N, C-alpha and C. Protein backbone atom coordinates (compact mmCIF):
# COMPACT_ATOMS: atom_id res chain seq x y z
N MET A 1 -26.09 5.28 4.13
CA MET A 1 -25.63 4.98 2.78
C MET A 1 -24.78 3.71 2.80
N ASN A 2 -24.93 2.88 1.80
CA ASN A 2 -24.18 1.64 1.69
C ASN A 2 -22.68 1.91 1.68
N ARG A 3 -21.94 1.17 2.53
CA ARG A 3 -20.51 1.42 2.67
C ARG A 3 -19.76 1.17 1.38
N LYS A 4 -20.16 0.16 0.64
CA LYS A 4 -19.49 -0.13 -0.63
C LYS A 4 -19.69 1.02 -1.62
N LEU A 5 -20.89 1.61 -1.60
CA LEU A 5 -21.17 2.75 -2.48
C LEU A 5 -20.30 3.94 -2.10
N ILE A 6 -20.14 4.16 -0.79
CA ILE A 6 -19.28 5.25 -0.33
C ILE A 6 -17.86 5.06 -0.83
N HIS A 7 -17.37 3.82 -0.78
CA HIS A 7 -16.03 3.53 -1.28
C HIS A 7 -15.91 3.91 -2.76
N TRP A 8 -16.88 3.52 -3.54
CA TRP A 8 -16.84 3.81 -4.97
C TRP A 8 -16.92 5.31 -5.24
N LEU A 9 -17.69 6.02 -4.43
CA LEU A 9 -17.81 7.46 -4.60
C LEU A 9 -16.50 8.19 -4.29
N GLY A 10 -15.58 7.49 -3.63
CA GLY A 10 -14.27 8.08 -3.40
C GLY A 10 -13.54 8.38 -4.70
N LEU A 11 -13.92 7.68 -5.77
CA LEU A 11 -13.30 7.92 -7.08
C LEU A 11 -13.66 9.29 -7.64
N LEU A 12 -14.64 9.95 -7.02
CA LEU A 12 -14.96 11.31 -7.43
C LEU A 12 -13.79 12.25 -7.16
N GLY A 13 -12.94 11.89 -6.21
CA GLY A 13 -11.75 12.70 -5.94
C GLY A 13 -10.83 12.77 -7.14
N PRO A 14 -10.37 11.62 -7.67
CA PRO A 14 -9.55 11.64 -8.89
C PRO A 14 -10.30 12.23 -10.09
N ILE A 15 -11.60 11.98 -10.19
CA ILE A 15 -12.38 12.55 -11.29
C ILE A 15 -12.37 14.08 -11.21
N SER A 16 -12.43 14.60 -10.00
CA SER A 16 -12.37 16.05 -9.80
C SER A 16 -11.05 16.61 -10.30
N LEU A 17 -9.96 15.92 -10.01
CA LEU A 17 -8.64 16.35 -10.47
C LEU A 17 -8.56 16.34 -12.00
N ILE A 18 -9.08 15.29 -12.62
CA ILE A 18 -9.07 15.19 -14.08
C ILE A 18 -9.89 16.32 -14.70
N SER A 19 -11.05 16.62 -14.10
CA SER A 19 -11.90 17.70 -14.59
C SER A 19 -11.18 19.04 -14.49
N TYR A 20 -10.49 19.25 -13.38
CA TYR A 20 -9.76 20.51 -13.18
C TYR A 20 -8.63 20.64 -14.20
N LEU A 21 -7.92 19.56 -14.42
CA LEU A 21 -6.83 19.56 -15.40
C LEU A 21 -7.37 19.87 -16.79
N ALA A 22 -8.51 19.27 -17.14
CA ALA A 22 -9.12 19.52 -18.45
C ALA A 22 -9.54 20.98 -18.57
N ALA A 23 -10.09 21.54 -17.50
CA ALA A 23 -10.52 22.93 -17.52
C ALA A 23 -9.34 23.87 -17.73
N VAL A 24 -8.24 23.58 -17.05
CA VAL A 24 -7.04 24.43 -17.17
C VAL A 24 -6.48 24.35 -18.59
N ILE A 25 -6.40 23.16 -19.14
CA ILE A 25 -5.78 22.98 -20.46
C ILE A 25 -6.65 23.57 -21.57
N PHE A 26 -7.92 23.18 -21.61
CA PHE A 26 -8.76 23.57 -22.75
C PHE A 26 -9.25 25.02 -22.64
N SER A 27 -9.42 25.51 -21.43
CA SER A 27 -9.82 26.92 -21.28
C SER A 27 -8.70 27.85 -21.72
N SER A 28 -7.46 27.45 -21.49
CA SER A 28 -6.34 28.29 -21.93
C SER A 28 -6.28 28.37 -23.45
N ILE A 29 -6.72 27.31 -24.11
CA ILE A 29 -6.76 27.31 -25.58
C ILE A 29 -7.86 28.26 -26.07
N ALA A 30 -8.96 28.34 -25.31
CA ALA A 30 -10.09 29.19 -25.69
C ALA A 30 -9.87 30.65 -25.30
N TYR A 31 -8.72 30.97 -24.72
CA TYR A 31 -8.40 32.33 -24.28
C TYR A 31 -7.30 32.87 -25.19
N PRO A 32 -7.67 33.65 -26.22
CA PRO A 32 -6.65 34.17 -27.14
C PRO A 32 -5.57 34.98 -26.42
N GLY A 33 -4.33 34.62 -26.69
CA GLY A 33 -3.23 35.35 -26.09
C GLY A 33 -2.87 34.94 -24.67
N TYR A 34 -3.59 33.96 -24.14
CA TYR A 34 -3.30 33.52 -22.77
C TYR A 34 -1.92 32.88 -22.71
N ASN A 35 -1.12 33.31 -21.73
CA ASN A 35 0.23 32.78 -21.55
C ASN A 35 0.26 32.02 -20.22
N TRP A 36 0.22 30.71 -20.28
CA TRP A 36 0.13 29.91 -19.06
C TRP A 36 1.36 30.05 -18.19
N MET A 37 2.49 30.39 -18.77
CA MET A 37 3.70 30.55 -17.96
C MET A 37 3.69 31.86 -17.16
N ALA A 38 2.93 32.83 -17.64
CA ALA A 38 2.92 34.14 -16.99
C ALA A 38 1.64 34.42 -16.21
N GLN A 39 0.53 33.81 -16.60
CA GLN A 39 -0.76 34.15 -16.01
C GLN A 39 -1.25 33.06 -15.05
N ALA A 40 -2.04 33.52 -14.07
CA ALA A 40 -2.61 32.61 -13.08
C ALA A 40 -3.76 31.80 -13.66
N VAL A 41 -4.04 30.68 -13.05
CA VAL A 41 -5.17 29.85 -13.47
C VAL A 41 -6.48 30.61 -13.29
N SER A 42 -6.57 31.43 -12.24
CA SER A 42 -7.80 32.17 -11.96
C SER A 42 -8.17 33.13 -13.08
N ASP A 43 -7.21 33.54 -13.90
CA ASP A 43 -7.52 34.42 -15.03
C ASP A 43 -8.47 33.76 -16.01
N LEU A 44 -8.45 32.45 -16.08
CA LEU A 44 -9.29 31.72 -17.02
C LEU A 44 -10.77 31.77 -16.67
N SER A 45 -11.08 32.02 -15.40
CA SER A 45 -12.47 32.04 -14.95
C SER A 45 -12.94 33.44 -14.58
N ALA A 46 -12.10 34.45 -14.80
CA ALA A 46 -12.49 35.82 -14.48
C ALA A 46 -13.72 36.23 -15.30
N GLN A 47 -14.47 37.19 -14.79
CA GLN A 47 -15.73 37.58 -15.42
C GLN A 47 -15.55 38.08 -16.85
N ASN A 48 -14.41 38.69 -17.13
CA ASN A 48 -14.19 39.23 -18.47
C ASN A 48 -13.39 38.29 -19.37
N ALA A 49 -13.07 37.10 -18.86
CA ALA A 49 -12.24 36.17 -19.63
C ALA A 49 -13.04 35.53 -20.76
N PRO A 50 -12.49 35.47 -21.98
CA PRO A 50 -13.19 34.82 -23.09
C PRO A 50 -13.35 33.31 -22.90
N SER A 51 -12.60 32.77 -21.95
CA SER A 51 -12.67 31.33 -21.67
C SER A 51 -13.63 31.00 -20.54
N ARG A 52 -14.31 32.00 -19.99
CA ARG A 52 -15.12 31.79 -18.79
C ARG A 52 -16.22 30.74 -18.97
N VAL A 53 -16.96 30.81 -20.08
CA VAL A 53 -18.05 29.86 -20.30
C VAL A 53 -17.52 28.43 -20.38
N LEU A 54 -16.45 28.24 -21.13
CA LEU A 54 -15.87 26.90 -21.25
C LEU A 54 -15.34 26.43 -19.91
N TRP A 55 -14.73 27.35 -19.15
CA TRP A 55 -14.23 26.99 -17.82
C TRP A 55 -15.37 26.48 -16.94
N GLN A 56 -16.48 27.20 -16.94
CA GLN A 56 -17.62 26.79 -16.11
C GLN A 56 -18.13 25.41 -16.50
N GLN A 57 -18.13 25.14 -17.79
CA GLN A 57 -18.61 23.84 -18.26
C GLN A 57 -17.67 22.72 -17.84
N LEU A 58 -16.37 22.91 -18.05
CA LEU A 58 -15.41 21.86 -17.76
C LEU A 58 -15.16 21.70 -16.26
N ALA A 59 -15.19 22.82 -15.53
CA ALA A 59 -14.89 22.76 -14.10
C ALA A 59 -16.10 22.40 -13.25
N SER A 60 -17.28 22.29 -13.87
CA SER A 60 -18.47 21.96 -13.10
C SER A 60 -18.34 20.60 -12.43
N ILE A 61 -17.75 19.65 -13.12
CA ILE A 61 -17.53 18.31 -12.54
C ILE A 61 -16.52 18.40 -11.41
N TYR A 62 -15.49 19.19 -11.63
CA TYR A 62 -14.45 19.38 -10.61
C TYR A 62 -15.05 19.89 -9.30
N ASN A 63 -15.90 20.90 -9.38
CA ASN A 63 -16.48 21.50 -8.18
C ASN A 63 -17.36 20.51 -7.43
N VAL A 64 -18.28 19.89 -8.14
CA VAL A 64 -19.23 18.98 -7.49
C VAL A 64 -18.54 17.72 -7.00
N ALA A 65 -17.74 17.10 -7.87
CA ALA A 65 -17.08 15.84 -7.51
C ALA A 65 -16.13 16.03 -6.33
N GLY A 66 -15.39 17.13 -6.33
CA GLY A 66 -14.45 17.38 -5.25
C GLY A 66 -15.13 17.56 -3.91
N ILE A 67 -16.24 18.32 -3.89
CA ILE A 67 -16.96 18.56 -2.65
C ILE A 67 -17.62 17.28 -2.13
N VAL A 68 -18.24 16.52 -3.03
CA VAL A 68 -18.89 15.26 -2.62
C VAL A 68 -17.85 14.30 -2.05
N SER A 69 -16.70 14.20 -2.72
CA SER A 69 -15.66 13.28 -2.29
C SER A 69 -15.14 13.63 -0.90
N ILE A 70 -14.74 14.88 -0.68
CA ILE A 70 -14.16 15.25 0.62
C ILE A 70 -15.21 15.19 1.73
N THR A 71 -16.47 15.48 1.39
CA THR A 71 -17.53 15.40 2.41
C THR A 71 -17.75 13.96 2.85
N LEU A 72 -17.75 13.04 1.89
CA LEU A 72 -17.90 11.63 2.24
C LEU A 72 -16.69 11.11 3.00
N VAL A 73 -15.51 11.63 2.68
CA VAL A 73 -14.31 11.27 3.45
C VAL A 73 -14.48 11.68 4.90
N CYS A 74 -14.96 12.91 5.12
CA CYS A 74 -15.16 13.41 6.48
C CYS A 74 -16.17 12.57 7.25
N VAL A 75 -17.21 12.13 6.56
CA VAL A 75 -18.24 11.29 7.20
C VAL A 75 -17.69 9.90 7.50
N TYR A 76 -16.94 9.35 6.56
CA TYR A 76 -16.50 7.97 6.67
C TYR A 76 -15.45 7.77 7.77
N ILE A 77 -14.58 8.75 7.99
CA ILE A 77 -13.43 8.54 8.89
C ILE A 77 -13.80 8.59 10.37
N GLU A 78 -15.02 8.98 10.69
CA GLU A 78 -15.42 9.03 12.09
C GLU A 78 -15.22 7.67 12.76
N ASN A 79 -14.46 7.66 13.86
CA ASN A 79 -14.16 6.45 14.63
C ASN A 79 -13.32 5.42 13.87
N ARG A 80 -12.65 5.85 12.79
CA ARG A 80 -11.84 4.90 12.03
C ARG A 80 -10.35 5.25 12.05
N ILE A 81 -10.01 6.49 12.33
CA ILE A 81 -8.61 6.91 12.34
C ILE A 81 -8.34 7.78 13.56
N ASN A 82 -7.05 8.04 13.84
CA ASN A 82 -6.73 8.81 15.03
C ASN A 82 -7.18 10.26 14.92
N LYS A 83 -7.25 10.91 16.06
CA LYS A 83 -7.89 12.23 16.12
C LYS A 83 -7.12 13.29 15.35
N TYR A 84 -5.81 13.13 15.19
CA TYR A 84 -5.04 14.13 14.47
C TYR A 84 -5.34 14.09 12.97
N ILE A 85 -5.32 12.90 12.40
CA ILE A 85 -5.65 12.78 10.98
C ILE A 85 -7.08 13.24 10.75
N LYS A 86 -7.97 12.85 11.65
CA LYS A 86 -9.38 13.20 11.50
C LYS A 86 -9.57 14.72 11.56
N THR A 87 -8.93 15.37 12.53
CA THR A 87 -9.04 16.82 12.65
C THR A 87 -8.48 17.51 11.41
N GLY A 88 -7.34 17.03 10.93
CA GLY A 88 -6.72 17.62 9.74
C GLY A 88 -7.62 17.48 8.52
N ILE A 89 -8.23 16.32 8.36
CA ILE A 89 -9.11 16.11 7.20
C ILE A 89 -10.36 16.97 7.31
N TYR A 90 -10.89 17.13 8.53
CA TYR A 90 -12.05 18.00 8.71
C TYR A 90 -11.71 19.44 8.29
N LEU A 91 -10.52 19.91 8.69
CA LEU A 91 -10.11 21.27 8.31
C LEU A 91 -9.89 21.37 6.81
N PHE A 92 -9.35 20.31 6.23
CA PHE A 92 -9.15 20.29 4.77
C PHE A 92 -10.50 20.33 4.07
N GLY A 93 -11.47 19.61 4.61
CA GLY A 93 -12.81 19.64 4.04
C GLY A 93 -13.45 21.01 4.16
N LEU A 94 -13.25 21.67 5.32
CA LEU A 94 -13.76 23.03 5.51
C LEU A 94 -13.13 23.97 4.48
N MET A 95 -11.84 23.80 4.24
CA MET A 95 -11.16 24.61 3.24
C MET A 95 -11.79 24.42 1.87
N GLN A 96 -12.12 23.19 1.52
CA GLN A 96 -12.72 22.90 0.22
C GLN A 96 -14.08 23.58 0.07
N TRP A 97 -14.86 23.58 1.14
CA TRP A 97 -16.17 24.22 1.10
C TRP A 97 -16.03 25.73 0.97
N ILE A 98 -15.10 26.32 1.73
CA ILE A 98 -14.86 27.77 1.64
C ILE A 98 -14.40 28.13 0.23
N SER A 99 -13.54 27.31 -0.33
CA SER A 99 -13.04 27.54 -1.68
C SER A 99 -14.18 27.50 -2.69
N ALA A 100 -15.00 26.45 -2.61
CA ALA A 100 -16.09 26.28 -3.57
C ALA A 100 -17.11 27.41 -3.49
N ILE A 101 -17.49 27.79 -2.27
CA ILE A 101 -18.50 28.83 -2.09
C ILE A 101 -17.90 30.22 -2.31
N GLY A 102 -16.74 30.45 -1.71
CA GLY A 102 -16.13 31.77 -1.78
C GLY A 102 -15.76 32.19 -3.19
N TYR A 103 -15.13 31.29 -3.93
CA TYR A 103 -14.73 31.64 -5.29
C TYR A 103 -15.92 31.72 -6.25
N ALA A 104 -17.02 31.05 -5.90
CA ALA A 104 -18.22 31.13 -6.74
C ALA A 104 -18.95 32.46 -6.53
N ILE A 105 -18.92 32.96 -5.30
CA ILE A 105 -19.61 34.21 -4.99
C ILE A 105 -18.78 35.43 -5.39
N PHE A 106 -17.49 35.39 -5.02
CA PHE A 106 -16.62 36.54 -5.26
C PHE A 106 -15.69 36.26 -6.44
N LEU A 107 -16.25 36.39 -7.63
CA LEU A 107 -15.47 36.16 -8.84
C LEU A 107 -14.56 37.35 -9.12
N LEU A 108 -13.40 37.06 -9.72
CA LEU A 108 -12.57 38.15 -10.20
C LEU A 108 -13.35 38.88 -11.29
N THR A 109 -13.39 40.21 -11.19
CA THR A 109 -14.13 40.97 -12.19
C THR A 109 -13.30 41.21 -13.43
N ALA A 110 -11.97 41.06 -13.32
CA ALA A 110 -11.09 41.24 -14.47
C ALA A 110 -9.84 40.44 -14.26
N SER A 111 -9.33 39.84 -15.34
CA SER A 111 -8.15 39.00 -15.24
C SER A 111 -6.96 39.78 -14.69
N GLY A 112 -6.38 39.25 -13.61
CA GLY A 112 -5.18 39.86 -13.05
C GLY A 112 -5.41 41.20 -12.38
N ASN A 113 -6.68 41.57 -12.12
CA ASN A 113 -6.97 42.88 -11.55
C ASN A 113 -7.50 42.72 -10.13
N ALA A 114 -7.12 43.65 -9.26
CA ALA A 114 -7.62 43.63 -7.88
C ALA A 114 -8.16 45.00 -7.52
N GLY A 115 -8.87 45.62 -8.46
CA GLY A 115 -9.29 46.99 -8.28
C GLY A 115 -10.62 47.17 -7.59
N THR A 116 -11.47 46.15 -7.53
CA THR A 116 -12.79 46.29 -6.91
C THR A 116 -12.83 45.57 -5.57
N LEU A 117 -13.88 45.87 -4.80
CA LEU A 117 -14.06 45.21 -3.50
C LEU A 117 -14.20 43.70 -3.69
N GLN A 118 -14.92 43.30 -4.73
CA GLN A 118 -15.11 41.87 -5.02
C GLN A 118 -13.78 41.19 -5.29
N ASP A 119 -12.92 41.85 -6.07
CA ASP A 119 -11.61 41.30 -6.35
C ASP A 119 -10.77 41.18 -5.08
N MET A 120 -10.86 42.20 -4.23
CA MET A 120 -10.06 42.20 -2.99
C MET A 120 -10.51 41.09 -2.05
N ILE A 121 -11.83 40.86 -1.97
CA ILE A 121 -12.33 39.76 -1.13
C ILE A 121 -11.85 38.42 -1.69
N TYR A 122 -11.91 38.28 -3.00
CA TYR A 122 -11.45 37.07 -3.67
C TYR A 122 -9.99 36.79 -3.32
N ILE A 123 -9.16 37.82 -3.46
CA ILE A 123 -7.71 37.64 -3.31
C ILE A 123 -7.27 37.61 -1.85
N TYR A 124 -7.76 38.57 -1.06
CA TYR A 124 -7.22 38.75 0.29
C TYR A 124 -7.99 38.04 1.39
N VAL A 125 -9.25 37.71 1.15
CA VAL A 125 -10.04 37.04 2.18
C VAL A 125 -10.19 35.55 1.88
N VAL A 126 -10.83 35.25 0.76
CA VAL A 126 -11.08 33.84 0.42
C VAL A 126 -9.76 33.10 0.23
N THR A 127 -8.87 33.67 -0.57
CA THR A 127 -7.60 32.99 -0.84
C THR A 127 -6.77 32.82 0.43
N THR A 128 -6.77 33.83 1.29
CA THR A 128 -6.01 33.73 2.55
C THR A 128 -6.55 32.61 3.42
N LEU A 129 -7.88 32.53 3.54
CA LEU A 129 -8.49 31.45 4.34
C LEU A 129 -8.16 30.08 3.74
N VAL A 130 -8.25 29.98 2.42
CA VAL A 130 -7.97 28.71 1.75
C VAL A 130 -6.53 28.28 1.98
N VAL A 131 -5.60 29.21 1.84
CA VAL A 131 -4.18 28.89 2.01
C VAL A 131 -3.87 28.51 3.45
N LEU A 132 -4.36 29.30 4.41
CA LEU A 132 -4.09 29.01 5.82
C LEU A 132 -4.67 27.67 6.24
N LEU A 133 -5.92 27.42 5.87
CA LEU A 133 -6.55 26.15 6.23
C LEU A 133 -5.85 24.97 5.55
N SER A 134 -5.38 25.18 4.32
CA SER A 134 -4.66 24.12 3.62
C SER A 134 -3.39 23.75 4.37
N ILE A 135 -2.63 24.76 4.75
CA ILE A 135 -1.36 24.52 5.45
C ILE A 135 -1.58 23.86 6.80
N ILE A 136 -2.49 24.44 7.59
CA ILE A 136 -2.75 23.90 8.93
C ILE A 136 -3.26 22.46 8.85
N SER A 137 -4.19 22.20 7.96
CA SER A 137 -4.76 20.85 7.85
C SER A 137 -3.71 19.85 7.41
N LEU A 138 -2.86 20.21 6.47
CA LEU A 138 -1.85 19.28 5.98
C LEU A 138 -0.80 18.99 7.04
N VAL A 139 -0.44 19.99 7.83
CA VAL A 139 0.52 19.77 8.93
C VAL A 139 -0.05 18.78 9.94
N ILE A 140 -1.32 18.97 10.30
CA ILE A 140 -1.96 18.09 11.28
C ILE A 140 -2.10 16.67 10.72
N ILE A 141 -2.49 16.57 9.47
CA ILE A 141 -2.62 15.25 8.83
C ILE A 141 -1.26 14.54 8.79
N ALA A 142 -0.23 15.27 8.41
CA ALA A 142 1.11 14.69 8.33
C ALA A 142 1.57 14.19 9.69
N TYR A 143 1.31 14.98 10.73
CA TYR A 143 1.70 14.58 12.09
C TYR A 143 0.95 13.33 12.54
N GLY A 144 -0.37 13.36 12.37
CA GLY A 144 -1.17 12.22 12.79
C GLY A 144 -0.85 10.96 12.00
N ALA A 145 -0.62 11.11 10.70
CA ALA A 145 -0.32 9.95 9.86
C ALA A 145 1.06 9.38 10.17
N TYR A 146 1.99 10.26 10.53
CA TYR A 146 3.34 9.80 10.90
C TYR A 146 3.29 8.96 12.18
N LYS A 147 2.40 9.32 13.10
CA LYS A 147 2.30 8.60 14.37
C LYS A 147 1.61 7.25 14.23
N ASP A 148 0.94 7.02 13.14
CA ASP A 148 0.25 5.74 12.92
C ASP A 148 0.96 5.00 11.78
N LYS A 149 1.54 3.86 12.07
CA LYS A 149 2.33 3.14 11.08
C LYS A 149 1.50 2.74 9.86
N ASN A 150 0.19 2.68 10.03
CA ASN A 150 -0.67 2.31 8.91
C ASN A 150 -0.84 3.45 7.90
N TYR A 151 -0.45 4.66 8.30
CA TYR A 151 -0.70 5.81 7.45
C TYR A 151 0.57 6.61 7.14
N HIS A 152 1.71 5.98 7.19
CA HIS A 152 2.95 6.67 6.87
C HIS A 152 2.95 7.19 5.43
N ARG A 153 2.32 6.45 4.53
CA ARG A 153 2.27 6.91 3.14
C ARG A 153 1.41 8.17 3.02
N LEU A 154 0.34 8.24 3.79
CA LEU A 154 -0.49 9.45 3.79
C LEU A 154 0.31 10.64 4.31
N ALA A 155 1.17 10.39 5.30
CA ALA A 155 2.03 11.45 5.82
C ALA A 155 2.95 11.97 4.72
N LEU A 156 3.48 11.08 3.91
CA LEU A 156 4.36 11.48 2.81
C LEU A 156 3.60 12.32 1.78
N TRP A 157 2.37 11.91 1.48
CA TRP A 157 1.56 12.69 0.54
C TRP A 157 1.27 14.08 1.08
N ALA A 158 0.98 14.16 2.38
CA ALA A 158 0.69 15.46 2.99
C ALA A 158 1.93 16.36 2.96
N VAL A 159 3.08 15.80 3.27
CA VAL A 159 4.33 16.58 3.25
C VAL A 159 4.65 17.01 1.83
N LEU A 160 4.48 16.12 0.86
CA LEU A 160 4.75 16.48 -0.54
C LEU A 160 3.83 17.61 -0.99
N THR A 161 2.56 17.55 -0.59
CA THR A 161 1.61 18.60 -0.94
C THR A 161 2.03 19.93 -0.33
N LEU A 162 2.47 19.90 0.93
CA LEU A 162 2.95 21.11 1.59
C LEU A 162 4.16 21.69 0.87
N LEU A 163 5.09 20.83 0.49
CA LEU A 163 6.29 21.29 -0.21
C LEU A 163 5.94 21.96 -1.53
N LEU A 164 5.01 21.37 -2.27
CA LEU A 164 4.58 21.96 -3.54
C LEU A 164 3.90 23.30 -3.31
N MET A 165 3.11 23.40 -2.25
CA MET A 165 2.46 24.67 -1.95
C MET A 165 3.48 25.74 -1.61
N PHE A 166 4.48 25.38 -0.79
CA PHE A 166 5.50 26.36 -0.40
C PHE A 166 6.37 26.74 -1.60
N LEU A 167 6.68 25.77 -2.44
CA LEU A 167 7.44 26.08 -3.65
C LEU A 167 6.65 27.05 -4.54
N GLY A 168 5.34 26.81 -4.62
CA GLY A 168 4.50 27.70 -5.41
C GLY A 168 4.45 29.10 -4.83
N ALA A 169 4.29 29.19 -3.49
CA ALA A 169 4.21 30.49 -2.84
C ALA A 169 5.52 31.26 -2.96
N ILE A 170 6.62 30.57 -2.72
CA ILE A 170 7.93 31.21 -2.81
C ILE A 170 8.25 31.58 -4.26
N GLY A 171 7.93 30.65 -5.15
CA GLY A 171 8.24 30.86 -6.56
C GLY A 171 7.54 32.06 -7.15
N THR A 172 6.25 32.24 -6.80
CA THR A 172 5.51 33.37 -7.36
C THR A 172 6.06 34.70 -6.88
N GLY A 173 6.78 34.67 -5.75
CA GLY A 173 7.34 35.90 -5.22
C GLY A 173 8.72 36.24 -5.74
N VAL A 174 9.41 35.25 -6.32
CA VAL A 174 10.79 35.49 -6.72
C VAL A 174 11.02 35.37 -8.23
N VAL A 175 10.18 34.63 -8.93
CA VAL A 175 10.41 34.45 -10.36
C VAL A 175 9.98 35.71 -11.12
N PRO A 176 10.53 35.96 -12.28
CA PRO A 176 10.10 37.10 -13.11
C PRO A 176 8.61 36.97 -13.45
N LYS A 177 7.95 38.10 -13.70
CA LYS A 177 6.51 38.10 -14.00
C LYS A 177 6.17 37.20 -15.18
N ASP A 178 7.10 37.06 -16.10
CA ASP A 178 6.84 36.24 -17.29
C ASP A 178 6.72 34.75 -16.97
N PHE A 179 7.10 34.36 -15.74
CA PHE A 179 7.04 32.95 -15.36
C PHE A 179 6.19 32.73 -14.10
N PHE A 180 5.37 33.72 -13.77
CA PHE A 180 4.53 33.64 -12.57
C PHE A 180 3.62 32.42 -12.57
N GLY A 181 3.07 32.07 -13.71
CA GLY A 181 2.09 31.00 -13.79
C GLY A 181 2.63 29.61 -13.49
N ILE A 182 3.94 29.43 -13.64
CA ILE A 182 4.52 28.09 -13.41
C ILE A 182 4.48 27.70 -11.94
N PRO A 183 5.10 28.49 -11.04
CA PRO A 183 5.01 28.10 -9.61
C PRO A 183 3.60 28.21 -9.06
N GLU A 184 2.78 29.11 -9.60
CA GLU A 184 1.41 29.24 -9.14
C GLU A 184 0.64 27.94 -9.31
N ARG A 185 0.96 27.22 -10.37
CA ARG A 185 0.28 25.95 -10.63
C ARG A 185 0.72 24.87 -9.66
N PHE A 186 1.90 24.99 -9.07
CA PHE A 186 2.32 24.04 -8.05
C PHE A 186 1.31 24.03 -6.91
N SER A 187 0.90 25.23 -6.48
CA SER A 187 -0.01 25.36 -5.35
C SER A 187 -1.41 24.85 -5.67
N VAL A 188 -1.97 25.30 -6.79
CA VAL A 188 -3.36 24.95 -7.08
C VAL A 188 -3.53 23.46 -7.40
N PHE A 189 -2.55 22.88 -8.07
CA PHE A 189 -2.67 21.46 -8.39
C PHE A 189 -2.34 20.58 -7.18
N ALA A 190 -1.51 21.11 -6.26
CA ALA A 190 -1.16 20.34 -5.07
C ALA A 190 -2.39 20.05 -4.23
N VAL A 191 -3.20 21.08 -4.00
CA VAL A 191 -4.40 20.92 -3.17
C VAL A 191 -5.42 20.01 -3.85
N THR A 192 -5.66 20.24 -5.13
CA THR A 192 -6.60 19.40 -5.88
C THR A 192 -6.11 17.96 -5.93
N GLY A 193 -4.80 17.80 -6.06
CA GLY A 193 -4.21 16.46 -6.09
C GLY A 193 -4.37 15.74 -4.76
N PHE A 194 -4.20 16.48 -3.65
CA PHE A 194 -4.34 15.83 -2.34
C PHE A 194 -5.79 15.42 -2.10
N ASN A 195 -6.72 16.21 -2.59
CA ASN A 195 -8.13 15.82 -2.48
C ASN A 195 -8.38 14.51 -3.23
N ALA A 196 -7.70 14.36 -4.38
CA ALA A 196 -7.82 13.12 -5.14
C ALA A 196 -7.22 11.95 -4.36
N ILE A 197 -6.10 12.20 -3.68
CA ILE A 197 -5.48 11.16 -2.85
C ILE A 197 -6.43 10.70 -1.76
N LEU A 198 -7.07 11.65 -1.09
CA LEU A 198 -8.02 11.28 -0.03
C LEU A 198 -9.19 10.49 -0.61
N GLY A 199 -9.59 10.83 -1.84
CA GLY A 199 -10.65 10.07 -2.50
C GLY A 199 -10.24 8.63 -2.74
N ILE A 200 -8.98 8.43 -3.12
CA ILE A 200 -8.47 7.07 -3.33
C ILE A 200 -8.42 6.32 -2.01
N TYR A 201 -8.03 7.01 -0.93
CA TYR A 201 -8.04 6.38 0.39
C TYR A 201 -9.46 5.96 0.77
N LEU A 202 -10.44 6.80 0.44
CA LEU A 202 -11.83 6.43 0.72
C LEU A 202 -12.23 5.22 -0.10
N PHE A 203 -11.83 5.18 -1.36
CA PHE A 203 -12.13 4.04 -2.22
C PHE A 203 -11.57 2.75 -1.63
N ASN A 204 -10.39 2.86 -1.01
CA ASN A 204 -9.75 1.69 -0.40
C ASN A 204 -10.16 1.47 1.06
N GLY A 205 -11.12 2.24 1.54
CA GLY A 205 -11.63 2.04 2.89
C GLY A 205 -10.74 2.55 3.99
N PHE A 206 -9.77 3.40 3.66
CA PHE A 206 -8.86 3.98 4.64
C PHE A 206 -8.16 2.91 5.49
N GLY A 207 -8.01 1.72 4.95
CA GLY A 207 -7.34 0.66 5.70
C GLY A 207 -8.25 0.16 6.79
N GLU A 208 -9.11 -0.75 6.45
CA GLU A 208 -10.14 -1.22 7.38
C GLU A 208 -9.56 -1.81 8.67
N PHE A 209 -8.31 -2.24 8.62
CA PHE A 209 -7.75 -2.90 9.80
C PHE A 209 -6.69 -2.06 10.51
N SER A 210 -6.71 -0.73 10.25
CA SER A 210 -5.74 0.14 10.92
C SER A 210 -6.08 0.27 12.40
N THR A 211 -5.08 0.60 13.21
CA THR A 211 -5.27 0.75 14.62
C THR A 211 -5.90 2.11 14.91
N ILE A 212 -6.96 2.12 15.68
CA ILE A 212 -7.62 3.37 16.05
C ILE A 212 -7.18 3.73 17.45
N ASN A 213 -6.59 4.90 17.59
CA ASN A 213 -6.23 5.37 18.92
C ASN A 213 -6.25 6.88 18.94
N ASN A 214 -6.20 7.44 20.13
CA ASN A 214 -6.30 8.89 20.29
C ASN A 214 -4.98 9.57 20.62
N TYR A 215 -3.95 8.77 20.88
CA TYR A 215 -2.64 9.32 21.21
C TYR A 215 -2.77 10.36 22.32
């Protein structure tokens, strides 16, 4: 594939974020009685949610654009960056694929409910894998980027994403139920946002003149 085309396709990362934001905002409007401060984003796409059809329409770009972007990032970085950043991005890409496939197969059968096997797999298996891979990949990326002076800014983005994820995880456990949705959004938007950042790095060629080493 033409390298210039690959760079341009990196913009699918930010497009994915915009699509996700649109899905969250407009689907909540199509869900009568939905309280964004109290309810999770996943409630909008649950099988019994009145906003499900609109969510699928708006989030379709998010799913495809995000996967294409991170996959091209994984292909492009081969032999261009140090092994730590590369390994971290590969794990982040694996997380994106698990998220896309896992959440598509194991849909929540009811908003906020974990009563069926499908719901339990969604919450305890897919989500656990996504969270663990997100954390591990971001730690590795931050470490590798910190060691390369050309990627210190990427290290900052990775650390910021981790902080938002931890704030979201801690917040959902300590805030009153009426405000559960606020910290929960820190986590979900942090990951989608970092995917957009990687897309922008791909658009910019990941710094064509950066030093490649294995440390």
